[in-house]
Amino acid sequence: MSLEPLIPNRLDDENSALVILDQTLLPNQVRYVSLRTNEEICSAIRTLQVRGAPAIGIAAAYGAYLGAKAAPESGFEAFYAHFRTDCDRLAASRPTAVNLFWALRRMDRKALSMKDCPVPAIKAALREEALAIHREDEERNKAISEYGLSLLKPGQGLLTHCNAGPIATSSYGTALGPILLGQERGFGFRVFADETRPLLQGARLTAFELHRAGVDVTLICDNMASMVMKNGWVQACLVGCDRVAANGDTANKIGTSGVAILAHHYGIPFYVLGPTSTIDPDTPTGEDIPIEQRDPEEIRSLWYEKPMAPACKLFNPAFDVTDHRLISGIITEKGIARPPYTQSLQKLFE
């Protein structure tokens, strides 16, 4: 029996709402929430009700449209001031994932390109732009999945970190895309999913998505990755990304860099998968990527009935940066970039 696909973002234009899958409740509860205000959408992004770089970008685009829909129609200046206020608030909701800013810039360019048009026409165009961002992400996911699958062989053992599947994007996902496409084509992959501290996206979301799709998935703690690699059970690592710097350094959920170091030590290919919208040519290296710092109490008490550590100092960065020298390839919808990334990433845009 096939299961209904989970839809992370959907525009309910009739009710002027963004409908999201509340990812904080997974895997125990599947619930959709309607968000009608800019504040609600910003809060959903901050609290990870909607998460995953592409899904955040889609949510931001819909949020920008819904803000524009409610803006005054007395003239472009009044309309645009309202629109920019909403966009700026959305941009401040999370700092690391570049898709958020990419989607908002695209919506802003569309509005400015029509400044001499009637405001109702601008609103209609922004709706179509948001829908196009969503539709194009679906197409990118399928292309990324095909390119990624071309690097893999049936029966291989794969390891992934965090969550870069359908609920983090719009269809197949990025890092999970080749796995799910391979499952459809009978590749029979064996997948190890890191639990991914401190927010457990690997345990709550990746293991959930893969198990739901019938994939042979084994959940492991983050500190077990070395053992499964040493045992010869892993032939490739696949991870997503929230931002790719111009030199190929990539930001992803905290712990990804450690996986890359282990893979390098054991001679295992380490692939980063993401759409070209995640590549930020204005960020020279990983040193220039802002790293989100989350509530330290997530470490001490989020998953426990009582605090599991003393009142010591806590450090809780949400992301780390993987050095480009550890990355075997960056897989996008336009092809596979290989070292040197300063050249291959630039060619993707040519």
Protein backbone atom coordinates (compact mmCIF):
# COMPACT_ATOMS: atom_id res chain seq x y z
CA MET A 1 0.00 0.00 0.00
CA SER A 2 1.47 3.34 -1.07
CA LEU A 3 1.49 6.15 1.44
CA GLU A 4 0.35 9.68 0.73
CA PRO A 5 3.34 11.96 0.09
CA LEU A 6 4.11 14.50 2.78
CA ILE A 7 3.92 18.09 1.50
CA PRO A 8 6.15 20.51 3.44
CA ASN A 9 4.71 23.71 1.87
CA ARG A 10 1.47 24.51 0.08
CA LEU A 11 -0.16 27.81 -0.85
CA ASP A 12 -3.82 28.09 0.20
CA ASP A 13 -4.55 31.26 -1.74
CA GLU A 14 -8.30 31.15 -1.10
CA ASN A 15 -7.68 31.50 2.64
CA SER A 16 -4.52 33.67 2.26
CA ALA A 17 -2.46 31.08 4.10
CA LEU A 18 0.71 29.03 3.83
CA VAL A 19 0.02 25.43 4.85
CA ILE A 20 3.06 23.67 6.26
CA LEU A 21 3.85 20.23 7.59
CA ASP A 22 4.83 20.77 11.23
CA GLN A 23 8.18 18.95 11.25
CA THR A 24 8.64 19.41 15.00
CA LEU A 25 5.93 16.77 15.59
CA LEU A 26 7.43 14.06 13.36
CA PRO A 27 7.70 11.11 13.42
CA ASN A 28 4.91 10.60 15.95
CA GLN A 29 2.33 12.93 14.47
CA VAL A 30 1.62 14.19 10.95
CA ARG A 31 -0.09 17.56 11.24
CA TYR A 32 -0.49 20.48 8.86
CA VAL A 33 -0.66 24.05 10.12
CA SER A 34 -2.09 27.10 8.35
CA LEU A 35 0.00 30.26 8.73
CA ARG A 36 -1.73 33.53 7.85
CA THR A 37 0.59 36.26 9.08
CA ASN A 38 4.19 37.23 8.43
CA GLU A 39 4.94 36.76 12.12
CA GLU A 40 3.58 33.20 12.06
CA ILE A 41 5.68 32.27 9.02
CA CYS A 42 8.84 33.77 10.54
CA SER A 43 8.18 31.88 13.78
CA ALA A 44 7.66 28.61 11.88
CA ILE A 45 11.06 29.04 10.18
CA ARG A 46 12.84 29.97 13.42
CA THR A 47 11.34 27.08 15.40
CA LEU A 48 11.97 24.54 12.60
CA GLN A 49 8.31 23.77 11.97
CA VAL A 50 9.44 24.23 8.38
CA ARG A 51 13.12 23.48 7.74
CA GLY A 52 15.55 22.37 5.06
CA ALA A 53 17.20 25.03 2.90
CA PRO A 54 14.99 24.62 -0.21
CA ALA A 55 11.79 24.32 1.85
CA ILE A 56 12.71 27.47 3.77
CA GLY A 57 13.20 29.30 0.47
CA ILE A 58 9.80 28.16 -0.79
CA ALA A 59 8.13 29.17 2.48
CA ALA A 60 9.80 32.58 2.30
CA ALA A 61 8.58 33.11 -1.28
CA TYR A 62 5.03 32.28 -0.29
CA GLY A 63 5.38 34.47 2.78
CA ALA A 64 6.54 37.38 0.63
CA TYR A 65 3.56 36.90 -1.68
CA LEU A 66 1.06 36.69 1.17
CA GLY A 67 2.55 39.86 2.64
CA ALA A 68 2.22 41.56 -0.74
CA LYS A 69 -1.35 40.34 -1.07
CA ALA A 70 -2.26 42.23 2.11
CA ALA A 71 -0.32 45.38 1.14
CA PRO A 72 -2.10 48.65 0.28
CA GLU A 73 -2.94 49.37 -3.36
CA SER A 74 -2.80 53.18 -3.17
CA GLY A 75 0.45 53.25 -5.15
CA PHE A 76 3.74 51.47 -5.66
CA GLU A 77 5.64 53.28 -2.90
CA ALA A 78 3.14 52.38 -0.17
CA PHE A 79 2.85 48.85 -1.51
CA TYR A 80 6.62 48.36 -1.73
CA ALA A 81 7.29 49.72 1.75
CA HIS A 82 4.86 47.15 3.19
CA PHE A 83 6.34 44.40 1.02
CA ARG A 84 9.94 45.21 2.02
CA THR A 85 9.09 45.22 5.73
CA ASP A 86 7.69 41.71 5.45
CA CYS A 87 10.66 40.50 3.37
CA ASP A 88 13.19 41.96 5.81
CA ARG A 89 11.47 40.21 8.72
CA LEU A 90 11.54 36.90 6.84
CA ALA A 91 15.23 37.38 5.99
CA ALA A 92 16.04 37.74 9.68
CA SER A 93 14.38 34.46 10.67
CA ARG A 94 17.50 32.28 10.08
CA PRO A 95 21.02 33.32 9.02
CA THR A 96 22.78 30.37 7.38
CA ALA A 97 20.61 28.87 4.62
CA VAL A 98 21.19 30.99 1.52
CA ASN A 99 18.01 29.75 -0.23
CA LEU A 100 16.03 31.98 2.11
CA PHE A 101 17.77 35.12 0.84
CA TRP A 102 17.87 33.87 -2.76
CA ALA A 103 14.09 33.42 -2.85
CA LEU A 104 13.43 36.81 -1.24
CA ARG A 105 15.80 38.55 -3.69
CA ARG A 106 13.99 36.90 -6.58
CA MET A 107 10.62 38.08 -5.27
CA ASP A 108 12.02 41.58 -4.74
CA ARG A 109 13.38 41.73 -8.30
CA LYS A 110 9.98 40.74 -9.65
CA ALA A 111 8.26 43.50 -7.67
CA LEU A 112 10.76 46.16 -8.75
CA SER A 113 10.58 45.08 -12.40
CA MET A 114 6.85 45.96 -12.36
CA LYS A 115 6.97 49.24 -10.41
CA ASP A 116 5.17 51.07 -13.24
CA CYS A 117 2.34 48.53 -13.30
CA PRO A 118 -0.91 48.61 -11.28
CA VAL A 119 -0.43 47.12 -7.82
CA PRO A 120 -2.99 44.31 -8.39
CA ALA A 121 -0.91 43.19 -11.39
CA ILE A 122 2.24 43.17 -9.23
CA LYS A 123 0.49 41.02 -6.64
CA ALA A 124 -0.61 38.54 -9.32
CA ALA A 125 2.93 38.39 -10.70
CA LEU A 126 4.39 37.75 -7.24
CA ARG A 127 1.97 34.86 -6.78
CA GLU A 128 3.16 33.32 -10.04
CA GLU A 129 6.80 33.88 -9.06
CA ALA A 130 6.34 32.06 -5.74
CA LEU A 131 4.61 29.17 -7.48
CA ALA A 132 7.44 29.06 -10.04
CA ILE A 133 10.06 28.87 -7.27
CA HIS A 134 8.20 25.89 -5.82
CA ARG A 135 7.71 24.18 -9.20
CA GLU A 136 11.34 24.70 -10.23
CA ASP A 137 12.57 23.17 -6.98
CA GLU A 138 10.62 20.00 -7.77
CA GLU A 139 12.32 19.85 -11.16
CA ARG A 140 15.75 20.48 -9.62
CA ASN A 141 15.23 17.70 -7.08
CA LYS A 142 14.58 15.16 -9.82
CA ALA A 143 17.67 16.24 -11.79
CA ILE A 144 19.88 16.17 -8.67
CA SER A 145 18.58 12.69 -7.87
CA GLU A 146 19.44 11.43 -11.36
CA TYR A 147 22.96 12.85 -11.25
CA GLY A 148 23.51 11.46 -7.77
CA LEU A 149 22.25 8.01 -8.69
CA SER A 150 24.66 7.92 -11.64
CA LEU A 151 27.52 7.79 -9.10
CA LEU A 152 26.13 4.84 -7.15
CA LYS A 153 25.87 1.08 -7.68
CA PRO A 154 23.10 -1.33 -6.65
CA GLY A 155 23.48 -2.84 -3.20
CA GLN A 156 25.89 -0.21 -1.90
CA GLY A 157 25.97 0.96 1.69
CA LEU A 158 25.38 4.69 2.06
CA LEU A 159 25.63 7.08 4.99
CA THR A 160 23.81 10.39 5.39
CA HIS A 161 23.75 13.10 8.04
CA CYS A 162 20.85 15.36 9.06
CA ASN A 163 17.81 15.46 6.74
CA ALA A 164 17.75 16.44 3.08
CA GLY A 165 14.71 14.51 1.88
CA PRO A 166 11.30 15.42 0.46
CA ILE A 167 10.09 17.24 3.57
CA ALA A 168 13.18 19.49 3.48
CA THR A 169 12.57 20.37 -0.18
CA SER A 170 9.61 19.75 -2.46
CA SER A 171 9.84 16.27 -4.00
CA TYR A 172 12.69 13.70 -3.89
CA GLY A 173 14.97 15.84 -1.80
CA THR A 174 18.67 16.43 -2.39
CA ALA A 175 20.86 14.01 -0.41
CA LEU A 176 18.02 11.50 -0.08
CA GLY A 177 16.95 11.95 -3.70
CA PRO A 178 19.32 9.33 -5.21
CA ILE A 179 18.39 6.89 -2.44
CA LEU A 180 14.64 7.26 -3.02
CA LEU A 181 15.04 7.17 -6.80
CA GLY A 182 17.22 4.08 -6.42
CA GLN A 183 14.56 2.49 -4.24
CA GLU A 184 12.03 2.98 -7.05
CA ARG A 185 14.43 1.32 -9.49
CA GLY A 186 15.36 -1.64 -7.30
CA PHE A 187 18.92 -0.62 -6.35
CA GLY A 188 18.56 -2.10 -2.87
CA PHE A 189 20.71 0.41 -1.01
CA ARG A 190 21.56 -0.12 2.66
CA VAL A 191 21.50 3.25 4.39
CA PHE A 192 22.98 4.38 7.69
CA ALA A 193 21.36 7.53 9.05
CA ASP A 194 23.20 9.51 11.71
CA GLU A 195 20.80 10.64 14.44
CA THR A 196 22.24 14.18 14.07
CA ARG A 197 22.52 15.95 17.40
CA PRO A 198 21.27 18.19 18.86
CA LEU A 199 17.94 18.35 17.01
CA LEU A 200 17.79 14.72 15.85
CA GLN A 201 16.71 15.42 12.26
CA GLY A 202 18.40 12.20 11.20
CA ALA A 203 16.48 10.13 13.73
CA ARG A 204 13.14 11.93 13.62
CA LEU A 205 13.02 12.79 9.92
CA THR A 206 15.53 10.92 7.72
CA ALA A 207 14.97 7.50 9.30
CA PHE A 208 11.24 8.22 9.19
CA GLU A 209 11.23 9.15 5.49
CA LEU A 210 13.45 6.27 4.39
CA HIS A 211 11.62 3.67 6.48
CA ARG A 212 8.30 4.98 5.15
CA ALA A 213 9.61 4.52 1.59
CA GLY A 214 10.68 0.93 2.27
CA VAL A 215 14.42 1.65 2.24
CA ASP A 216 16.72 -0.61 4.28
CA VAL A 217 17.71 2.05 6.83
CA THR A 218 19.70 1.68 10.06
CA LEU A 219 19.74 4.53 12.55
CA ILE A 220 23.07 5.12 14.30
CA CYS A 221 24.34 7.63 16.83
CA ASP A 222 26.67 10.26 15.40
CA ASN A 223 29.70 8.78 17.14
CA MET A 224 29.14 5.41 15.44
CA ALA A 225 29.91 6.62 11.91
CA SER A 226 33.58 5.69 12.18
CA MET A 227 32.77 2.11 13.12
CA VAL A 228 30.39 1.45 10.23
CA MET A 229 32.92 2.96 7.82
CA LYS A 230 35.77 0.91 9.24
CA ASN A 231 33.64 -2.25 8.96
CA GLY A 232 33.34 -1.66 5.20
CA TRP A 233 29.60 -1.11 5.35
CA VAL A 234 29.67 2.33 3.69
CA GLN A 235 30.67 2.94 0.06
CA ALA A 236 29.55 6.58 -0.23
CA CYS A 237 28.37 9.46 1.95
CA LEU A 238 25.56 11.77 0.77
CA VAL A 239 24.72 15.01 2.56
CA GLY A 240 22.77 18.15 1.79
CA CYS A 241 23.90 21.74 2.26
CA ASP A 242 22.56 25.08 3.39
CA ARG A 243 25.20 27.19 1.68
CA VAL A 244 28.08 26.55 -0.71
CA ALA A 245 30.88 29.11 -0.78
CA ALA A 246 32.62 30.08 -4.03
CA ASN A 247 35.62 27.87 -3.19
CA GLY A 248 33.45 24.79 -2.53
CA ASP A 249 33.34 24.93 1.28
CA THR A 250 29.86 23.89 2.39
CA ALA A 251 27.74 24.59 5.46
CA ASN A 252 25.45 21.84 6.68
CA LYS A 253 24.04 20.62 9.99
CA ILE A 254 26.61 20.40 12.77
CA GLY A 255 28.56 17.14 12.56
CA THR A 256 28.79 17.03 8.76
CA SER A 257 32.42 18.13 8.79
CA GLY A 258 33.29 15.22 11.08
CA VAL A 259 31.62 12.77 8.69
CA ALA A 260 33.68 14.21 5.82
CA ILE A 261 36.92 13.83 7.80
CA LEU A 262 36.09 10.20 8.59
CA ALA A 263 35.16 9.46 4.98
CA HIS A 264 38.46 10.95 3.81
CA HIS A 265 40.37 8.80 6.30
CA TYR A 266 38.67 5.60 5.10
CA GLY A 267 38.82 6.49 1.38
CA ILE A 268 35.05 6.80 0.99
CA PRO A 269 33.59 9.31 -1.52
CA PHE A 270 31.84 12.21 0.19
CA TYR A 271 29.21 13.96 -1.94
CA VAL A 272 27.31 17.18 -1.23
CA LEU A 273 23.96 17.57 -2.97
CA GLY A 274 22.00 20.78 -3.44
CA PRO A 275 20.42 23.07 -6.03
CA THR A 276 22.46 25.85 -7.61
CA SER A 277 20.37 28.32 -5.57
CA THR A 278 22.38 27.08 -2.56
CA ILE A 279 25.67 28.20 -4.15
CA ASP A 280 26.61 31.68 -2.94
CA PRO A 281 29.26 33.21 -5.22
CA ASP A 282 29.34 36.29 -2.97
CA THR A 283 30.69 34.18 -0.09
CA PRO A 284 34.39 33.52 -0.89
CA THR A 285 35.06 30.70 1.64
CA GLY A 286 33.44 28.84 4.50
CA GLU A 287 35.03 31.30 6.91
CA ASP A 288 32.58 33.89 5.60
CA ILE A 289 29.42 31.83 6.23
CA PRO A 290 27.44 33.02 9.29
CA ILE A 291 26.80 30.12 11.67
CA GLU A 292 23.51 30.08 13.52
CA GLN A 293 23.80 29.70 17.29
CA ARG A 294 20.77 28.00 18.78
CA ASP A 295 19.39 27.87 22.32
CA PRO A 296 22.02 25.98 24.36
CA GLU A 297 19.28 24.32 26.40
CA GLU A 298 18.58 22.12 23.39
CA ILE A 299 21.65 20.16 24.44
CA ARG A 300 20.84 19.90 28.12
CA SER A 301 17.09 19.42 28.30
CA LEU A 302 15.22 19.35 24.96
CA TRP A 303 14.89 15.57 24.72
CA TYR A 304 14.77 14.73 28.41
CA GLU A 305 12.16 14.74 31.14
CA LYS A 306 14.77 16.31 33.42
CA PRO A 307 18.02 18.10 32.51
CA MET A 308 20.70 15.52 31.68
CA ALA A 309 23.70 17.73 32.47
CA PRO A 310 24.79 20.09 35.23
CA ALA A 311 24.54 23.85 35.00
CA CYS A 312 27.85 24.10 33.11
CA LYS A 313 28.57 26.23 30.05
CA LEU A 314 26.96 25.11 26.78
CA PHE A 315 27.84 25.59 23.11
CA ASN A 316 25.23 24.86 20.44
CA PRO A 317 26.07 25.91 16.85
CA ALA A 318 23.50 24.69 14.34
CA PHE A 319 25.96 24.20 11.46
CA ASP A 320 29.57 23.51 10.67
CA VAL A 321 31.60 24.02 7.50
CA THR A 322 33.12 21.16 5.50
CA ASP A 323 36.40 22.03 3.80
CA HIS A 324 36.22 21.75 0.02
CA ARG A 325 39.28 19.49 0.02
CA LEU A 326 37.21 16.76 1.69
CA ILE A 327 34.40 16.86 -0.89
CA SER A 328 34.47 14.39 -3.80
CA GLY A 329 31.79 16.21 -5.77
CA ILE A 330 29.02 18.79 -5.44
CA ILE A 331 25.91 17.48 -7.18
CA THR A 332 23.45 20.04 -8.58
CA GLU A 333 20.58 20.05 -11.06
CA LYS A 334 23.04 21.30 -13.69
CA GLY A 335 25.58 18.55 -13.21
CA ILE A 336 28.36 17.39 -10.91
CA ALA A 337 31.03 19.91 -9.94
CA ARG A 338 34.49 18.51 -9.23
CA PRO A 339 37.66 20.10 -7.84
CA PRO A 340 38.87 22.75 -8.35
CA TYR A 341 35.52 24.18 -7.25
CA THR A 342 36.45 27.81 -7.92
CA GLN A 343 36.29 26.84 -11.60
CA SER A 344 33.65 24.09 -11.73
CA LEU A 345 31.04 25.97 -9.66
CA GLN A 346 31.44 29.06 -11.80
CA LYS A 347 30.92 27.00 -14.96
CA LEU A 348 27.53 25.86 -13.64
CA PHE A 349 26.30 29.44 -13.98
CA GLU A 350 27.78 29.93 -17.44
